[in-house]
Amino acid sequence: MSVKTVSLPCPNCGKTVMMTEAFPERPFCSKRCKDIDFGDWASESYQIEGSDESAESWSEDQR
């Protein structure tokens, strides 16, 4: 039985990343690419689609 290793492009730079222990930051190729992606989420450069209604009803005061 042969085992196939999955590879995919780094979401940030496109470099091929193998889904093995050789790439501990997977699916990113490096810590740098992982940190860049995190910074984009933190600065709200990325957004997840949703309805305007759900955004208006949410409040930090609700717990």
Protein backbone atom coordinates (compact mmCIF):
# COMPACT_ATOMS: atom_id res chain seq x y z
CA MET A 1 0.00 0.00 0.00
CA SER A 2 1.39 3.40 -0.92
CA VAL A 3 0.73 6.55 1.04
CA LYS A 4 0.24 9.79 -0.86
CA THR A 5 1.33 13.07 0.68
CA VAL A 6 -1.00 15.98 0.10
CA SER A 7 0.51 19.23 -1.11
CA LEU A 8 -1.13 22.58 -1.64
CA PRO A 9 -0.10 26.17 -2.27
CA CYS A 10 0.62 28.47 0.67
CA PRO A 11 -2.45 30.73 1.06
CA ASN A 12 -0.16 33.77 1.24
CA CYS A 13 2.66 33.35 -1.30
CA GLY A 14 1.66 30.30 -3.33
CA LYS A 15 4.77 28.21 -2.56
CA THR A 16 4.07 24.45 -2.48
CA VAL A 17 3.53 23.14 1.06
CA MET A 18 3.57 19.44 1.88
CA MET A 19 1.22 18.33 4.64
CA THR A 20 4.05 16.72 6.62
CA GLU A 21 6.03 17.43 9.76
CA ALA A 22 8.60 19.17 7.55
CA PHE A 23 6.19 22.13 7.37
CA PRO A 24 5.16 22.86 10.98
CA GLU A 25 3.33 26.07 9.97
CA ARG A 26 1.13 24.24 7.45
CA PRO A 27 -0.94 25.19 5.50
CA PHE A 28 1.52 28.11 5.36
CA CYS A 29 5.08 27.66 4.10
CA SER A 30 6.63 29.67 6.94
CA LYS A 31 5.96 31.56 10.15
CA ARG A 32 6.29 34.79 8.16
CA CYS A 33 3.41 33.86 5.84
CA LYS A 34 1.36 32.68 8.81
CA ASP A 35 1.95 36.01 10.61
CA ILE A 36 1.06 38.02 7.50
CA ASP A 37 -2.25 36.14 7.24
CA PHE A 38 -2.96 36.68 10.94
CA GLY A 39 -2.23 40.41 10.56
CA ASP A 40 -4.73 40.61 7.69
CA TRP A 41 -7.43 39.04 9.88
CA ALA A 42 -6.52 41.28 12.84
CA SER A 43 -6.71 44.44 10.71
CA GLU A 44 -10.06 43.24 9.32
CA SER A 45 -8.75 43.04 5.75
CA TYR A 46 -10.67 39.76 5.50
CA GLN A 47 -14.39 39.54 6.14
CA ILE A 48 -16.83 36.66 6.36
CA GLU A 49 -20.09 37.31 4.55
CA GLY A 50 -23.20 37.69 6.63
CA SER A 51 -26.43 39.59 6.64
CA ASP A 52 -26.58 43.21 7.77
CA GLU A 53 -29.26 42.20 10.25
CA SER A 54 -26.93 39.89 12.17
CA ALA A 55 -24.22 42.58 12.33
CA GLU A 56 -26.63 45.16 13.73
CA SER A 57 -28.04 42.83 16.38
CA TRP A 58 -24.63 41.85 17.77
CA SER A 59 -23.14 43.88 20.59
CA GLU A 60 -20.14 43.48 22.86
CA ASP A 61 -22.48 44.17 25.77
CA GLN A 62 -24.34 40.93 25.07
CA ARG A 63 -22.80 38.02 26.93
